[in-house]
Amino acid sequence: MTKHELWLWVFAVSCSAAITSPAHAGCFDPRSVIKVMRSPAPHGPVILAHRGLWLKKVATTGNLPENSIASLNAAEIAGSPTDLKHCIEAVEMDIKTTKDNVAVISHDFNLGGATTIPRNNFSAYTNTGDNPRVDAVNFDRFNEIFLRDGRYFSAPSTLIATSFKNILDYYYYSRSSSVIALDIKTKNDAIAVAKILSEDDRDFSHGKTEKLKASDFVIFKLNATIWPDGGEYIQDMKMAGVDTPPMVIVIYTTNMESALGCVCICRISMRREF
């Protein structure tokens, strides 16, 4: 079995039991959305709200901050069960971990872009100046930081940075149904989230369908360079105590060819859905 075939197997095993469920109470059954993501024909592409539905104008904050519960909620209520053409099937969010290894929602490795933490003469082009990293603060401090309603020097919002666990709690109590695609950049961050998913045994359908666990509607977006071999991904997850690894979208880009030592496989994989 090739490395690429192993990755396809990881996805198939993880979701094979989840794609036959009846409709969820929300706009879509997330398990059905994932099925379409695997094989989009004849349904067409799945719409995915990047970092939530942010920059949406609202009266209280000016704009909704990216990677916030509010931007996630905005994507969820973009349509209704009777107006499916306006529903957003999936939401992308970004994961980092704090100094005390709490999985949090943040696109940047640093805090000075999307939050009110000050950056002192920082240049993203030269990586000089002061821009505190997410992994340099504990979660208690991270969870006190206000998000900006845009990026860099835009106005502060009234919303604070949050953890992935808080996102799941929001999903459970608001009875949300969109698929969550987590963009994850390191093995440590992926394992931290996988542990949270494996330990969360709540029924997110609240008895309306067969049991819907967090691991049924959360998928990982992982660059192929993080785990070039799907077998290593499975092994590392099991060593971390995660018996059923999360579903994965493997991302291939042209600048990975030299790192992965593959040209043919990368080109083939970029044409496939997973």
Protein backbone atom coordinates (compact mmCIF):
# COMPACT_ATOMS: atom_id res chain seq x y z
CA MET A 1 0.00 0.00 0.00
CA THR A 2 1.44 3.39 -1.01
CA LYS A 3 1.55 6.42 1.29
CA HIS A 4 -1.21 8.04 -0.73
CA GLU A 5 -3.39 4.93 -0.46
CA LEU A 6 -2.85 4.90 3.30
CA TRP A 7 -4.16 8.46 3.52
CA LEU A 8 -7.25 7.49 1.55
CA TRP A 9 -7.71 4.56 3.92
CA VAL A 10 -7.45 6.85 6.97
CA PHE A 11 -10.33 8.92 5.66
CA ALA A 12 -12.46 5.98 4.54
CA VAL A 13 -12.16 4.09 7.82
CA SER A 14 -12.86 7.20 9.89
CA CYS A 15 -16.08 8.14 8.13
CA SER A 16 -17.47 4.91 6.69
CA ALA A 17 -19.93 4.47 9.54
CA ALA A 18 -21.00 8.12 9.51
CA ILE A 19 -22.33 8.71 6.02
CA THR A 20 -25.59 6.78 6.11
CA SER A 21 -27.35 8.73 8.85
CA PRO A 22 -30.69 10.49 8.36
CA ALA A 23 -30.90 14.27 8.09
CA HIS A 24 -29.69 16.32 11.03
CA ALA A 25 -31.92 18.95 12.60
CA GLY A 26 -29.85 21.82 11.18
CA CYS A 27 -29.38 22.92 7.58
CA PHE A 28 -27.48 19.75 6.75
CA ASP A 29 -26.48 16.49 8.35
CA PRO A 30 -22.70 17.08 8.72
CA ARG A 31 -22.08 13.42 7.92
CA SER A 32 -23.80 13.88 4.57
CA VAL A 33 -21.70 16.99 3.90
CA ILE A 34 -18.53 15.00 4.52
CA LYS A 35 -19.79 12.33 2.13
CA VAL A 36 -20.21 14.98 -0.58
CA MET A 37 -16.74 16.39 0.21
CA ARG A 38 -15.30 12.95 -0.51
CA SER A 39 -17.15 12.57 -3.82
CA PRO A 40 -18.55 15.95 -4.93
CA ALA A 41 -20.07 14.69 -8.21
CA PRO A 42 -22.96 15.08 -8.94
CA HIS A 43 -23.64 17.45 -6.02
CA GLY A 44 -20.97 20.06 -6.77
CA PRO A 45 -18.46 21.65 -4.35
CA VAL A 46 -19.07 22.21 -0.65
CA ILE A 47 -19.08 25.86 0.49
CA LEU A 48 -16.64 26.49 3.31
CA ALA A 49 -16.56 29.74 5.34
CA HIS A 50 -12.88 30.67 5.71
CA ARG A 51 -12.10 31.41 9.38
CA GLY A 52 -15.86 31.70 9.90
CA LEU A 53 -18.04 34.32 8.28
CA TRP A 54 -15.82 37.19 9.39
CA LEU A 55 -15.72 40.81 8.28
CA LYS A 56 -19.52 40.69 8.31
CA LYS A 57 -20.83 44.11 9.31
CA VAL A 58 -22.65 44.08 12.65
CA ALA A 59 -23.89 46.96 14.74
CA THR A 60 -22.12 46.04 17.98
CA THR A 61 -18.58 45.39 16.74
CA GLY A 62 -18.23 46.91 13.26
CA ASN A 63 -17.02 43.60 11.81
CA LEU A 64 -17.09 40.05 13.12
CA PRO A 65 -13.56 38.93 14.02
CA GLU A 66 -12.07 35.93 12.26
CA ASN A 67 -11.83 32.61 14.11
CA SER A 68 -14.41 33.64 16.68
CA ILE A 69 -17.58 32.01 17.96
CA ALA A 70 -19.48 34.95 16.47
CA SER A 71 -18.06 34.33 12.97
CA LEU A 72 -18.88 30.65 13.36
CA ASN A 73 -22.43 31.50 14.39
CA ALA A 74 -22.81 33.88 11.45
CA ALA A 75 -21.95 31.04 9.07
CA GLU A 76 -24.42 28.78 10.83
CA ILE A 77 -27.33 31.22 10.50
CA ALA A 78 -26.49 32.36 6.95
CA GLY A 79 -29.45 30.27 5.82
CA SER A 80 -32.19 28.16 7.29
CA PRO A 81 -33.50 24.61 6.83
CA THR A 82 -36.12 26.03 4.44
CA ASP A 83 -33.59 28.10 2.47
CA LEU A 84 -30.76 25.64 1.83
CA LYS A 85 -29.19 27.63 -0.99
CA HIS A 86 -27.96 30.15 1.59
CA CYS A 87 -26.74 27.67 4.20
CA ILE A 88 -23.00 27.25 4.63
CA GLU A 89 -22.13 23.58 4.87
CA ALA A 90 -18.70 23.87 6.48
CA VAL A 91 -16.57 26.32 8.46
CA GLU A 92 -12.78 26.44 8.44
CA MET A 93 -10.96 27.48 11.60
CA ASP A 94 -7.30 27.47 12.63
CA ILE A 95 -5.65 25.71 15.56
CA LYS A 96 -2.62 26.60 17.63
CA THR A 97 -1.63 25.54 21.17
CA THR A 98 -0.75 27.74 24.13
CA LYS A 99 2.25 27.40 26.43
CA ASP A 100 0.26 25.02 28.65
CA ASN A 101 -0.77 22.97 25.58
CA VAL A 102 -4.40 24.09 25.30
CA ALA A 103 -5.75 23.92 21.74
CA VAL A 104 -6.98 27.40 20.80
CA ILE A 105 -8.48 29.08 17.75
CA SER A 106 -5.90 31.28 16.02
CA HIS A 107 -4.72 31.61 12.43
CA ASP A 108 -1.34 33.15 13.25
CA PHE A 109 1.46 31.69 15.32
CA ASN A 110 1.76 35.21 16.76
CA LEU A 111 -0.79 37.32 18.62
CA GLY A 112 -0.19 40.75 17.10
CA GLY A 113 -2.22 40.32 13.93
CA ALA A 114 -5.77 39.40 14.90
CA THR A 115 -5.78 40.42 18.58
CA THR A 116 -5.22 43.60 20.58
CA ILE A 117 -1.84 42.38 21.84
CA PRO A 118 0.57 45.13 20.70
CA ARG A 119 3.27 44.53 18.12
CA ASN A 120 6.37 46.65 18.52
CA ASN A 121 8.03 47.53 15.20
CA PHE A 122 7.22 44.07 13.89
CA SER A 123 7.81 43.23 10.24
CA ALA A 124 6.22 40.10 8.82
CA TYR A 125 8.64 40.23 5.89
CA THR A 126 11.82 40.15 7.98
CA ASN A 127 10.35 38.58 11.17
CA THR A 128 11.97 41.29 13.24
CA GLY A 129 10.55 43.26 16.13
CA ASP A 130 8.27 42.04 18.89
CA ASN A 131 5.14 39.99 18.15
CA PRO A 132 4.33 37.60 21.04
CA ARG A 133 3.66 34.00 20.06
CA VAL A 134 0.55 32.06 21.00
CA ASP A 135 2.70 29.32 22.53
CA ALA A 136 4.39 31.90 24.78
CA VAL A 137 1.25 32.52 26.88
CA ASN A 138 -0.88 30.22 29.02
CA PHE A 139 -4.52 29.75 28.15
CA ASP A 140 -5.78 31.85 31.06
CA ARG A 141 -3.96 34.82 29.52
CA PHE A 142 -4.96 33.95 25.95
CA ASN A 143 -8.61 33.79 26.98
CA GLU A 144 -8.44 37.40 28.20
CA ILE A 145 -7.22 38.85 24.90
CA PHE A 146 -9.67 40.79 22.74
CA LEU A 147 -9.91 40.07 19.03
CA ARG A 148 -9.73 42.79 16.40
CA ASP A 149 -12.67 43.23 14.03
CA GLY A 150 -10.27 42.84 11.14
CA ARG A 151 -6.52 42.40 10.93
CA TYR A 152 -3.49 44.23 12.24
CA PHE A 153 -4.43 47.80 13.17
CA SER A 154 -8.22 47.55 12.81
CA ALA A 155 -10.49 48.37 15.74
CA PRO A 156 -10.77 46.13 18.82
CA SER A 157 -13.94 44.08 19.06
CA THR A 158 -15.83 43.11 22.19
CA LEU A 159 -15.01 39.42 21.66
CA ILE A 160 -12.20 37.44 23.24
CA ALA A 161 -9.95 34.71 21.84
CA THR A 162 -11.19 31.22 22.63
CA SER A 163 -10.29 27.54 22.84
CA PHE A 164 -11.33 24.66 20.61
CA LYS A 165 -13.10 23.14 23.61
CA ASN A 166 -15.24 26.28 23.87
CA ILE A 167 -16.12 25.91 20.19
CA LEU A 168 -17.36 22.37 20.84
CA ASP A 169 -19.36 23.58 23.85
CA TYR A 170 -20.94 26.28 21.69
CA TYR A 171 -21.77 23.66 19.06
CA TYR A 172 -23.39 21.40 21.62
CA TYR A 173 -25.56 24.00 23.34
CA SER A 174 -26.55 25.86 20.15
CA ARG A 175 -27.26 22.57 18.31
CA SER A 176 -25.05 23.56 15.41
CA SER A 177 -24.55 21.32 12.40
CA SER A 178 -21.89 22.70 10.02
CA VAL A 179 -18.79 20.60 9.41
CA ILE A 180 -15.70 22.10 11.09
CA ALA A 181 -12.48 21.89 9.06
CA LEU A 182 -9.49 22.64 11.28
CA ASP A 183 -6.35 23.97 9.59
CA ILE A 184 -3.52 22.52 11.69
CA LYS A 185 0.19 23.16 11.14
CA THR A 186 2.02 20.92 13.62
CA LYS A 187 1.86 17.36 14.96
CA ASN A 188 1.55 18.61 18.54
CA ASP A 189 -1.47 20.77 17.67
CA ALA A 190 -3.14 17.90 15.80
CA ILE A 191 -2.64 15.47 18.68
CA ALA A 192 -3.95 17.99 21.23
CA VAL A 193 -7.19 18.39 19.24
CA ALA A 194 -7.49 14.66 18.54
CA LYS A 195 -7.40 13.96 22.28
CA ILE A 196 -10.22 16.43 22.88
CA LEU A 197 -12.33 14.79 20.17
CA SER A 198 -11.68 11.27 21.44
CA GLU A 199 -12.68 12.24 24.98
CA ASP A 200 -15.88 14.08 24.01
CA ASP A 201 -18.67 11.51 24.13
CA ARG A 202 -21.64 13.91 23.94
CA ASP A 203 -24.45 13.35 21.45
CA PHE A 204 -24.45 16.53 19.35
CA SER A 205 -27.71 15.52 17.66
CA HIS A 206 -29.44 15.52 21.07
CA GLY A 207 -31.21 12.29 20.17
CA LYS A 208 -32.64 13.54 16.86
CA THR A 209 -30.51 11.16 14.77
CA GLU A 210 -28.19 8.29 15.52
CA LYS A 211 -25.53 9.54 17.93
CA LEU A 212 -23.47 12.38 16.47
CA LYS A 213 -20.08 12.71 18.16
CA ALA A 214 -17.66 15.61 17.78
CA SER A 215 -15.35 13.34 15.79
CA ASP A 216 -18.17 12.84 13.24
CA PHE A 217 -18.24 16.49 12.10
CA VAL A 218 -14.66 17.70 12.71
CA ILE A 219 -12.03 17.07 10.04
CA PHE A 220 -8.37 18.04 9.88
CA LYS A 221 -6.68 19.99 7.09
CA LEU A 222 -3.06 18.87 7.27
CA ASN A 223 -0.18 19.75 5.00
CA ALA A 224 1.28 16.54 3.59
CA THR A 225 4.68 17.51 5.03
CA ILE A 226 3.37 17.08 8.60
CA TRP A 227 2.71 13.37 8.16
CA PRO A 228 3.91 12.29 4.70
CA ASP A 229 2.84 8.74 5.52
CA GLY A 230 -0.73 7.99 6.57
CA GLY A 231 0.49 4.99 8.51
CA GLU A 232 2.70 7.21 10.69
CA TYR A 233 -0.31 9.43 11.37
CA ILE A 234 -2.32 6.46 12.61
CA GLN A 235 0.61 5.17 14.68
CA ASP A 236 1.35 8.54 16.31
CA MET A 237 -2.31 9.03 17.19
CA LYS A 238 -2.55 5.58 18.76
CA MET A 239 0.63 6.23 20.76
CA ALA A 240 -1.04 9.39 22.06
CA GLY A 241 -4.07 7.34 23.16
CA VAL A 242 -6.33 8.19 20.21
CA ASP A 243 -7.70 4.89 18.93
CA THR A 244 -9.73 6.38 16.06
CA PRO A 245 -7.72 9.15 14.36
CA PRO A 246 -9.71 12.15 13.08
CA MET A 247 -10.67 12.37 9.42
CA VAL A 248 -8.11 14.18 7.28
CA ILE A 249 -7.99 16.37 4.19
CA VAL A 250 -4.37 16.12 3.04
CA ILE A 251 -3.13 19.37 1.49
CA TYR A 252 -0.54 19.17 -1.29
CA THR A 253 1.08 22.26 -2.77
CA THR A 254 3.71 22.55 -5.47
CA ASN A 255 6.37 23.78 -3.04
CA MET A 256 6.17 20.45 -1.18
CA GLU A 257 7.53 18.35 -4.03
CA SER A 258 11.16 18.56 -2.96
CA ALA A 259 10.32 17.95 0.71
CA LEU A 260 8.17 14.92 -0.06
CA GLY A 261 10.26 13.61 -2.91
CA CYS A 262 7.13 13.14 -4.99
CA VAL A 263 5.91 14.69 -8.18
CA CYS A 264 3.48 12.14 -9.58
CA ILE A 265 1.66 11.40 -6.31
CA CYS A 266 1.30 15.09 -5.45
CA ARG A 267 -0.23 15.88 -8.81
CA ILE A 268 -2.65 12.97 -8.58
CA SER A 269 -3.63 13.82 -5.00
CA MET A 270 -4.34 17.45 -5.82
CA ARG A 271 -7.00 16.23 -8.24
CA ARG A 272 -8.68 14.03 -5.65
CA GLU A 273 -10.95 15.21 -2.86
CA PHE A 274 -8.98 13.53 -0.05
